[in-house]
């Protein structure tokens, strides 16, 4: 499996806000000439949302899903200086430095379960398994966070996943959470190959892969947690959680199967 890596680009032009996002992300052009959906470190949930976006996005890519390229984006005080909205100006001022971007998929449109043909059962099962693993609450009919681009299905917006890290106390006891919110997953009805998905995906999440993905998280987004003595220990906390949750996958797999039976 290819070793995960991440590029760093510099934000050069603020194009337009993405107002459907609660944290007010924006389409931003970078110095490589590409457009990105930029997520700001100064937004409501700060660096933790960016950590979740990076880790879950790269896990999804490693498992074979289509996820837009994730990049680190640096910005200075000149970005958006002509923007007249004071809310956006405040956000930009609070986000000077290192942020996160996802490659912008121009002309993509939101996935709808009524589209024909629907995703095949195996792909649906794999996405359900992945979202249960990373505790992603945002793949519901209300907030589908999947796009159709060039006739393929793409997974986006994982900032609300890994919500365990908003309270680290007792995190080791929460690795086996069955994730009952999986019953709201927009693809659950199609996911009738959950056991096969587990047999395929769980072995791909090696300890080395998990560590390599967590190592992509910038040091400046870590620290400040009273449970950990330093940044390295904080980073190891993510590795410990993700490895243990992989090993406890039976809990969320059984919950997804129960939820599907109840549909």
C-alpha atoms as a PDB file:
ATOM      1  CA  UNK A   1       0.000   0.000   0.000  1.00  0.00           C
ATOM      2  CA  UNK A   2       1.306   3.460  -0.921  1.00  0.00           C
ATOM      3  CA  UNK A   3       2.673   5.452   2.015  1.00  0.00           C
ATOM      4  CA  UNK A   4       0.289   8.339   2.824  1.00  0.00           C
ATOM      5  CA  UNK A   5       1.629  11.841   2.265  1.00  0.00           C
ATOM      6  CA  UNK A   6       0.290  15.372   2.166  1.00  0.00           C
ATOM      7  CA  UNK A   7       1.318  18.492   0.241  1.00  0.00           C
ATOM      8  CA  UNK A   8       1.462  22.052   1.565  1.00  0.00           C
ATOM      9  CA  UNK A   9       0.219  24.913  -0.630  1.00  0.00           C
ATOM     10  CA  UNK A  10      -0.158  28.650  -0.085  1.00  0.00           C
ATOM     11  CA  UNK A  11      -3.582  30.280  -0.336  1.00  0.00           C
ATOM     12  CA  UNK A  12      -3.394  33.133  -2.854  1.00  0.00           C
ATOM     13  CA  UNK A  13      -6.988  34.143  -3.654  1.00  0.00           C
ATOM     14  CA  UNK A  14     -10.243  33.974  -1.702  1.00  0.00           C
ATOM     15  CA  UNK A  15     -12.879  33.061  -4.310  1.00  0.00           C
ATOM     16  CA  UNK A  16     -16.207  32.594  -2.547  1.00  0.00           C
ATOM     17  CA  UNK A  17     -17.593  31.380   0.791  1.00  0.00           C
ATOM     18  CA  UNK A  18     -19.342  28.013   0.948  1.00  0.00           C
ATOM     19  CA  UNK A  19     -22.253  29.146   3.069  1.00  0.00           C
ATOM     20  CA  UNK A  20     -23.891  25.729   3.231  1.00  0.00           C
ATOM     21  CA  UNK A  21     -21.104  24.723   5.620  1.00  0.00           C
ATOM     22  CA  UNK A  22     -21.701  25.623   9.253  1.00  0.00           C
ATOM     23  CA  UNK A  23     -18.034  26.544   9.785  1.00  0.00           C
ATOM     24  CA  UNK A  24     -18.027  28.859   6.740  1.00  0.00           C
ATOM     25  CA  UNK A  25     -15.395  27.165   4.562  1.00  0.00           C
ATOM     26  CA  UNK A  26     -14.518  28.809   1.263  1.00  0.00           C
ATOM     27  CA  UNK A  27     -13.341  28.110  -2.248  1.00  0.00           C
ATOM     28  CA  UNK A  28      -9.754  29.364  -2.339  1.00  0.00           C
ATOM     29  CA  UNK A  29      -7.131  29.343  -5.078  1.00  0.00           C
ATOM     30  CA  UNK A  30      -3.619  28.211  -4.128  1.00  0.00           C
ATOM     31  CA  UNK A  31      -0.186  28.892  -5.542  1.00  0.00           C
ATOM     32  CA  UNK A  32      -0.335  25.633  -7.536  1.00  0.00           C
ATOM     33  CA  UNK A  33      -3.196  27.133  -9.590  1.00  0.00           C
ATOM     34  CA  UNK A  34      -5.812  24.720  -8.219  1.00  0.00           C
ATOM     35  CA  UNK A  35      -8.992  25.469  -6.299  1.00  0.00           C
ATOM     36  CA  UNK A  36      -9.617  24.027  -2.843  1.00  0.00           C
ATOM     37  CA  UNK A  37     -12.461  23.933  -0.366  1.00  0.00           C
ATOM     38  CA  UNK A  38     -10.550  25.527   2.497  1.00  0.00           C
ATOM     39  CA  UNK A  39     -11.386  24.686   6.133  1.00  0.00           C
ATOM     40  CA  UNK A  40     -10.230  27.311   8.624  1.00  0.00           C
ATOM     41  CA  UNK A  41      -8.474  26.653  11.907  1.00  0.00           C
ATOM     42  CA  UNK A  42     -10.199  29.709  13.383  1.00  0.00           C
ATOM     43  CA  UNK A  43     -13.693  28.264  12.850  1.00  0.00           C
ATOM     44  CA  UNK A  44     -15.916  27.018  15.660  1.00  0.00           C
ATOM     45  CA  UNK A  45     -14.305  23.667  16.519  1.00  0.00           C
ATOM     46  CA  UNK A  46     -10.829  24.822  15.623  1.00  0.00           C
ATOM     47  CA  UNK A  47      -8.019  22.420  14.865  1.00  0.00           C
ATOM     48  CA  UNK A  48      -9.970  19.339  15.971  1.00  0.00           C
ATOM     49  CA  UNK A  49     -12.282  19.569  12.964  1.00  0.00           C
ATOM     50  CA  UNK A  50      -9.243  19.809  10.695  1.00  0.00           C
ATOM     51  CA  UNK A  51      -7.583  16.840  12.411  1.00  0.00           C
ATOM     52  CA  UNK A  52     -10.732  14.766  11.897  1.00  0.00           C
ATOM     53  CA  UNK A  53     -10.915  15.875   8.255  1.00  0.00           C
ATOM     54  CA  UNK A  54      -7.315  14.897   7.630  1.00  0.00           C
ATOM     55  CA  UNK A  55      -7.256  11.575   9.475  1.00  0.00           C
ATOM     56  CA  UNK A  56     -10.641  10.304   8.305  1.00  0.00           C
ATOM     57  CA  UNK A  57     -10.094  11.523   4.761  1.00  0.00           C
ATOM     58  CA  UNK A  58      -6.754   9.760   4.489  1.00  0.00           C
ATOM     59  CA  UNK A  59      -8.144   6.586   6.054  1.00  0.00           C
ATOM     60  CA  UNK A  60     -10.926   6.675   3.476  1.00  0.00           C
ATOM     61  CA  UNK A  61      -8.412   7.069   0.665  1.00  0.00           C
ATOM     62  CA  UNK A  62      -6.291   4.212   2.036  1.00  0.00           C
ATOM     63  CA  UNK A  63      -9.393   1.993   2.063  1.00  0.00           C
ATOM     64  CA  UNK A  64      -9.946   2.701  -1.627  1.00  0.00           C
ATOM     65  CA  UNK A  65     -12.654   5.366  -1.573  1.00  0.00           C
ATOM     66  CA  UNK A  66     -12.578   8.442  -3.762  1.00  0.00           C
ATOM     67  CA  UNK A  67     -11.734  11.349  -1.472  1.00  0.00           C
ATOM     68  CA  UNK A  68     -10.603  14.739  -2.826  1.00  0.00           C
ATOM     69  CA  UNK A  69      -6.914  15.396  -2.225  1.00  0.00           C
ATOM     70  CA  UNK A  70      -6.317  16.793   1.244  1.00  0.00           C
ATOM     71  CA  UNK A  71      -3.642  19.496   1.503  1.00  0.00           C
ATOM     72  CA  UNK A  72      -2.263  21.749   4.190  1.00  0.00           C
ATOM     73  CA  UNK A  73      -2.909  25.392   3.280  1.00  0.00           C
ATOM     74  CA  UNK A  74      -0.955  28.299   4.673  1.00  0.00           C
ATOM     75  CA  UNK A  75      -2.374  31.794   4.496  1.00  0.00           C
ATOM     76  CA  UNK A  76      -1.359  35.272   5.563  1.00  0.00           C
ATOM     77  CA  UNK A  77      -3.264  38.430   6.422  1.00  0.00           C
ATOM     78  CA  UNK A  78      -3.659  39.453   2.770  1.00  0.00           C
ATOM     79  CA  UNK A  79      -6.148  36.700   1.916  1.00  0.00           C
ATOM     80  CA  UNK A  80      -9.652  38.104   1.490  1.00  0.00           C
ATOM     81  CA  UNK A  81      -8.662  41.616   2.466  1.00  0.00           C
ATOM     82  CA  UNK A  82     -11.296  43.017   0.080  1.00  0.00           C
ATOM     83  CA  UNK A  83     -14.028  40.832   1.620  1.00  0.00           C
ATOM     84  CA  UNK A  84     -16.719  43.086   3.057  1.00  0.00           C
ATOM     85  CA  UNK A  85     -18.434  40.553   5.326  1.00  0.00           C
ATOM     86  CA  UNK A  86     -17.188  41.196   8.890  1.00  0.00           C
ATOM     87  CA  UNK A  87     -17.879  37.562   9.903  1.00  0.00           C
ATOM     88  CA  UNK A  88     -15.590  36.313   7.146  1.00  0.00           C
ATOM     89  CA  UNK A  89     -12.960  38.925   7.970  1.00  0.00           C
ATOM     90  CA  UNK A  90     -12.941  37.814  11.613  1.00  0.00           C
ATOM     91  CA  UNK A  91     -12.624  34.172  10.537  1.00  0.00           C
ATOM     92  CA  UNK A  92      -9.686  34.926   8.265  1.00  0.00           C
ATOM     93  CA  UNK A  93      -7.882  36.955  10.914  1.00  0.00           C
ATOM     94  CA  UNK A  94      -8.297  34.068  13.380  1.00  0.00           C
ATOM     95  CA  UNK A  95      -6.946  31.592  10.823  1.00  0.00           C
ATOM     96  CA  UNK A  96      -3.643  33.148   9.762  1.00  0.00           C
ATOM     97  CA  UNK A  97      -1.123  30.341   9.490  1.00  0.00           C
ATOM     98  CA  UNK A  98      -1.837  26.679   8.742  1.00  0.00           C
ATOM     99  CA  UNK A  99      -5.247  25.472   7.592  1.00  0.00           C
ATOM    100  CA  UNK A 100      -6.651  22.575   5.568  1.00  0.00           C
ATOM    101  CA  UNK A 101      -7.931  22.280   2.029  1.00  0.00           C
ATOM    102  CA  UNK A 102      -9.702  19.657  -0.072  1.00  0.00           C
ATOM    103  CA  UNK A 103      -9.381  19.718  -3.846  1.00  0.00           C
ATOM    104  CA  UNK A 104     -12.480  21.465  -5.183  1.00  0.00           C
ATOM    105  CA  UNK A 105     -14.511  19.288  -7.540  1.00  0.00           C
ATOM    106  CA  UNK A 106     -15.901  21.806 -10.011  1.00  0.00           C
ATOM    107  CA  UNK A 107     -19.395  21.048 -11.314  1.00  0.00           C
ATOM    108  CA  UNK A 108     -19.899  18.151  -8.914  1.00  0.00           C
ATOM    109  CA  UNK A 109     -23.404  17.701  -7.531  1.00  0.00           C
ATOM    110  CA  UNK A 110     -24.801  16.246  -4.323  1.00  0.00           C
ATOM    111  CA  UNK A 111     -25.491  12.540  -4.278  1.00  0.00           C
ATOM    112  CA  UNK A 112     -29.138  11.560  -3.932  1.00  0.00           C
ATOM    113  CA  UNK A 113     -30.272   8.044  -3.033  1.00  0.00           C
ATOM    114  CA  UNK A 114     -32.955   8.313  -5.743  1.00  0.00           C
ATOM    115  CA  UNK A 115     -30.353   8.705  -8.484  1.00  0.00           C
ATOM    116  CA  UNK A 116     -30.158   5.804 -10.910  1.00  0.00           C
ATOM    117  CA  UNK A 117     -28.304   3.590 -10.784  1.00  0.00           C
ATOM    118  CA  UNK A 118     -27.672   3.570  -7.009  1.00  0.00           C
ATOM    119  CA  UNK A 119     -24.267   2.530  -5.628  1.00  0.00           C
ATOM    120  CA  UNK A 120     -23.817  -1.221  -5.652  1.00  0.00           C
ATOM    121  CA  UNK A 121     -24.366  -3.089  -2.409  1.00  0.00           C
ATOM    122  CA  UNK A 122     -20.685  -3.774  -1.769  1.00  0.00           C
ATOM    123  CA  UNK A 123     -19.652  -0.128  -2.121  1.00  0.00           C
ATOM    124  CA  UNK A 124     -22.564   0.956   0.076  1.00  0.00           C
ATOM    125  CA  UNK A 125     -21.536  -1.622   2.690  1.00  0.00           C
ATOM    126  CA  UNK A 126     -17.926  -0.468   2.639  1.00  0.00           C
ATOM    127  CA  UNK A 127     -18.922   3.188   3.102  1.00  0.00           C
ATOM    128  CA  UNK A 128     -21.217   2.274   5.997  1.00  0.00           C
ATOM    129  CA  UNK A 129     -18.386   0.282   7.612  1.00  0.00           C
ATOM    130  CA  UNK A 130     -15.939   3.165   7.166  1.00  0.00           C
ATOM    131  CA  UNK A 131     -18.326   5.753   8.606  1.00  0.00           C
ATOM    132  CA  UNK A 132     -19.083   3.555  11.611  1.00  0.00           C
ATOM    133  CA  UNK A 133     -15.362   3.076  12.186  1.00  0.00           C
ATOM    134  CA  UNK A 134     -14.579   6.814  12.180  1.00  0.00           C
ATOM    135  CA  UNK A 135     -17.931   7.666  13.870  1.00  0.00           C
ATOM    136  CA  UNK A 136     -18.987   9.976  11.070  1.00  0.00           C
ATOM    137  CA  UNK A 137     -22.354  11.544  11.897  1.00  0.00           C
ATOM    138  CA  UNK A 138     -22.591  13.376   8.567  1.00  0.00           C
ATOM    139  CA  UNK A 139     -23.673  10.892   5.926  1.00  0.00           C
ATOM    140  CA  UNK A 140     -27.428  11.227   6.407  1.00  0.00           C
ATOM    141  CA  UNK A 141     -30.225  12.151   3.986  1.00  0.00           C
ATOM    142  CA  UNK A 142     -30.172  15.628   5.524  1.00  0.00           C
ATOM    143  CA  UNK A 143     -26.426  16.076   5.190  1.00  0.00           C
ATOM    144  CA  UNK A 144     -25.266  13.492   2.687  1.00  0.00           C
ATOM    145  CA  UNK A 145     -21.635  14.667   2.197  1.00  0.00           C
ATOM    146  CA  UNK A 146     -21.177  12.667  -0.977  1.00  0.00           C
ATOM    147  CA  UNK A 147     -20.711  14.154  -4.414  1.00  0.00           C
ATOM    148  CA  UNK A 148     -21.071  12.769  -7.909  1.00  0.00           C
ATOM    149  CA  UNK A 149     -18.198  14.003 -10.055  1.00  0.00           C
ATOM    150  CA  UNK A 150     -17.320  12.653 -13.475  1.00  0.00           C
ATOM    151  CA  UNK A 151     -19.819   9.821 -12.897  1.00  0.00           C
ATOM    152  CA  UNK A 152     -18.031   8.632  -9.733  1.00  0.00           C
ATOM    153  CA  UNK A 153     -19.047   8.840  -6.076  1.00  0.00           C
ATOM    154  CA  UNK A 154     -16.777  10.976  -3.874  1.00  0.00           C
ATOM    155  CA  UNK A 155     -16.741  11.214  -0.071  1.00  0.00           C
ATOM    156  CA  UNK A 156     -16.284  14.685   1.425  1.00  0.00           C
ATOM    157  CA  UNK A 157     -16.454  16.598   4.710  1.00  0.00           C
ATOM    158  CA  UNK A 158     -15.253  14.408   7.560  1.00  0.00           C
ATOM    159  CA  UNK A 159     -14.727  17.194  10.078  1.00  0.00           C
ATOM    160  CA  UNK A 160     -17.529  15.925  12.336  1.00  0.00           C
ATOM    161  CA  UNK A 161     -16.045  12.421  12.580  1.00  0.00           C
ATOM    162  CA  UNK A 162     -13.803  11.165  15.417  1.00  0.00           C
ATOM    163  CA  UNK A 163     -15.948  13.105  17.861  1.00  0.00           C
ATOM    164  CA  UNK A 164     -14.378  11.206  20.763  1.00  0.00           C
ATOM    165  CA  UNK A 165     -11.483  13.706  20.694  1.00  0.00           C
ATOM    166  CA  UNK A 166     -13.656  16.551  21.928  1.00  0.00           C
ATOM    167  CA  UNK A 167     -13.410  14.877  25.344  1.00  0.00           C
ATOM    168  CA  UNK A 168     -10.333  12.703  25.802  1.00  0.00           C
ATOM    169  CA  UNK A 169     -11.146  11.554  29.327  1.00  0.00           C
ATOM    170  CA  UNK A 170     -12.019   7.858  29.227  1.00  0.00           C
ATOM    171  CA  UNK A 171     -11.390   7.584  25.492  1.00  0.00           C
ATOM    172  CA  UNK A 172      -9.994   4.061  25.819  1.00  0.00           C
ATOM    173  CA  UNK A 173     -13.338   2.861  27.173  1.00  0.00           C
ATOM    174  CA  UNK A 174     -15.147   4.328  24.161  1.00  0.00           C
ATOM    175  CA  UNK A 175     -13.295   2.473  21.421  1.00  0.00           C
ATOM    176  CA  UNK A 176     -16.005  -0.193  21.346  1.00  0.00           C
ATOM    177  CA  UNK A 177     -18.890   2.242  20.910  1.00  0.00           C
ATOM    178  CA  UNK A 178     -21.500   0.573  18.672  1.00  0.00           C
ATOM    179  CA  UNK A 179     -22.232   3.960  17.042  1.00  0.00           C
ATOM    180  CA  UNK A 180     -26.044   3.797  17.081  1.00  0.00           C
ATOM    181  CA  UNK A 181     -26.241   6.870  14.804  1.00  0.00           C
ATOM    182  CA  UNK A 182     -25.397   4.537  11.922  1.00  0.00           C
ATOM    183  CA  UNK A 183     -29.149   3.932  11.646  1.00  0.00           C
ATOM    184  CA  UNK A 184     -29.403   7.369   9.987  1.00  0.00           C
ATOM    185  CA  UNK A 185     -26.860   6.547   7.284  1.00  0.00           C
ATOM    186  CA  UNK A 186     -28.192   7.338   3.830  1.00  0.00           C
ATOM    187  CA  UNK A 187     -26.718   4.138   2.326  1.00  0.00           C
ATOM    188  CA  UNK A 188     -27.675   1.705   5.086  1.00  0.00           C
ATOM    189  CA  UNK A 189     -30.625   0.271   3.177  1.00  0.00           C
ATOM    190  CA  UNK A 190     -28.289  -0.763   0.351  1.00  0.00           C
ATOM    191  CA  UNK A 191     -25.579  -2.147   2.640  1.00  0.00           C
ATOM    192  CA  UNK A 192     -26.330  -5.867   2.619  1.00  0.00           C
ATOM    193  CA  UNK A 193     -22.671  -7.008   2.409  1.00  0.00           C
ATOM    194  CA  UNK A 194     -21.466  -5.695   5.758  1.00  0.00           C
ATOM    195  CA  UNK A 195     -19.626  -8.868   6.750  1.00  0.00           C
ATOM    196  CA  UNK A 196     -17.790  -8.931   3.420  1.00  0.00           C
ATOM    197  CA  UNK A 197     -16.909  -5.266   3.815  1.00  0.00           C
ATOM    198  CA  UNK A 198     -15.468  -6.002   7.245  1.00  0.00           C
ATOM    199  CA  UNK A 199     -13.373  -8.880   5.935  1.00  0.00           C
ATOM    200  CA  UNK A 200     -12.010  -6.651   3.180  1.00  0.00           C
ATOM    201  CA  UNK A 201     -11.417  -3.376   5.019  1.00  0.00           C
ATOM    202  CA  UNK A 202     -10.337  -4.314   8.531  1.00  0.00           C
ATOM    203  CA  UNK A 203      -7.075  -6.017   7.438  1.00  0.00           C
ATOM    204  CA  UNK A 204      -6.127  -2.944   5.381  1.00  0.00           C
ATOM    205  CA  UNK A 205      -5.900  -0.821   8.534  1.00  0.00           C
ATOM    206  CA  UNK A 206      -2.510  -1.985   9.735  1.00  0.00           C
ATOM    207  CA  UNK A 207      -0.850  -0.424  12.762  1.00  0.00           C
ATOM    208  CA  UNK A 208       1.798   1.043  10.469  1.00  0.00           C
ATOM    209  CA  UNK A 209      -0.799   2.647   8.212  1.00  0.00           C
ATOM    210  CA  UNK A 210      -2.697   4.171  11.121  1.00  0.00           C
ATOM    211  CA  UNK A 211       0.516   5.572  12.546  1.00  0.00           C
ATOM    212  CA  UNK A 212       1.592   6.983   9.171  1.00  0.00           C
ATOM    213  CA  UNK A 213      -1.738   8.771   8.734  1.00  0.00           C
ATOM    214  CA  UNK A 214      -1.730  10.223  12.256  1.00  0.00           C
ATOM    215  CA  UNK A 215       1.853  11.384  11.679  1.00  0.00           C
ATOM    216  CA  UNK A 216       0.518  13.667   8.911  1.00  0.00           C
ATOM    217  CA  UNK A 217      -1.237  15.843  11.509  1.00  0.00           C
ATOM    218  CA  UNK A 218       0.802  19.052  11.969  1.00  0.00           C
ATOM    219  CA  UNK A 219       2.390  19.466  15.376  1.00  0.00           C
ATOM    220  CA  UNK A 220       0.813  22.896  15.865  1.00  0.00           C
ATOM    221  CA  UNK A 221      -2.662  21.351  15.843  1.00  0.00           C
ATOM    222  CA  UNK A 222      -1.766  19.058  18.727  1.00  0.00           C
ATOM    223  CA  UNK A 223      -1.076  19.672  22.387  1.00  0.00           C
ATOM    224  CA  UNK A 224      -3.069  21.466  25.032  1.00  0.00           C
ATOM    225  CA  UNK A 225      -4.840  18.330  26.261  1.00  0.00           C
ATOM    226  CA  UNK A 226      -4.386  17.815  30.000  1.00  0.00           C
ATOM    227  CA  UNK A 227      -4.478  14.027  29.583  1.00  0.00           C
ATOM    228  CA  UNK A 228      -1.234  14.014  27.572  1.00  0.00           C
ATOM    229  CA  UNK A 229       2.159  15.220  28.705  1.00  0.00           C
ATOM    230  CA  UNK A 230       3.299  16.347  25.260  1.00  0.00           C
ATOM    231  CA  UNK A 231       2.490  16.387  21.545  1.00  0.00           C
ATOM    232  CA  UNK A 232       3.916  12.908  20.954  1.00  0.00           C
ATOM    233  CA  UNK A 233       1.658  11.444  23.633  1.00  0.00           C
ATOM    234  CA  UNK A 234      -1.322  13.284  22.146  1.00  0.00           C
ATOM    235  CA  UNK A 235      -0.506  11.844  18.728  1.00  0.00           C
ATOM    236  CA  UNK A 236      -0.173   8.380  20.237  1.00  0.00           C
ATOM    237  CA  UNK A 237      -3.647   8.807  21.716  1.00  0.00           C
ATOM    238  CA  UNK A 238      -5.107   8.946  18.198  1.00  0.00           C
ATOM    239  CA  UNK A 239      -3.098   5.881  17.177  1.00  0.00           C
ATOM    240  CA  UNK A 240      -4.246   3.960  20.245  1.00  0.00           C
ATOM    241  CA  UNK A 241      -7.900   4.839  19.676  1.00  0.00           C
ATOM    242  CA  UNK A 242      -7.936   4.039  15.965  1.00  0.00           C
ATOM    243  CA  UNK A 243      -6.075   0.745  16.405  1.00  0.00           C
ATOM    244  CA  UNK A 244      -8.310  -0.383  19.259  1.00  0.00           C
ATOM    245  CA  UNK A 245     -11.474   0.635  17.393  1.00  0.00           C
ATOM    246  CA  UNK A 246     -10.367  -1.446  14.412  1.00  0.00           C
ATOM    247  CA  UNK A 247      -9.923  -4.410  16.726  1.00  0.00           C
ATOM    248  CA  UNK A 248     -13.367  -3.803  18.260  1.00  0.00           C
ATOM    249  CA  UNK A 249     -15.108  -3.513  14.872  1.00  0.00           C
ATOM    250  CA  UNK A 250     -17.548  -6.325  15.725  1.00  0.00           C
ATOM    251  CA  UNK A 251     -19.429  -3.899  17.998  1.00  0.00           C
ATOM    252  CA  UNK A 252     -20.238  -1.341  15.310  1.00  0.00           C
ATOM    253  CA  UNK A 253     -20.657  -4.022  12.653  1.00  0.00           C
ATOM    254  CA  UNK A 254     -23.363  -5.745  14.700  1.00  0.00           C
ATOM    255  CA  UNK A 255     -25.041  -2.408  15.418  1.00  0.00           C
ATOM    256  CA  UNK A 256     -25.159  -1.584  11.697  1.00  0.00           C
ATOM    257  CA  UNK A 257     -26.663  -4.990  10.955  1.00  0.00           C
ATOM    258  CA  UNK A 258     -29.309  -4.491  13.661  1.00  0.00           C
ATOM    259  CA  UNK A 259     -30.129  -1.025  12.360  1.00  0.00           C
ATOM    260  CA  UNK A 260     -30.463  -2.334   8.825  1.00  0.00           C
ATOM    261  CA  UNK A 261     -32.839  -5.107   9.975  1.00  0.00           C
ATOM    262  CA  UNK A 262     -35.006  -2.477  11.656  1.00  0.00           C
ATOM    263  CA  UNK A 263     -35.466  -0.417   8.502  1.00  0.00           C
END
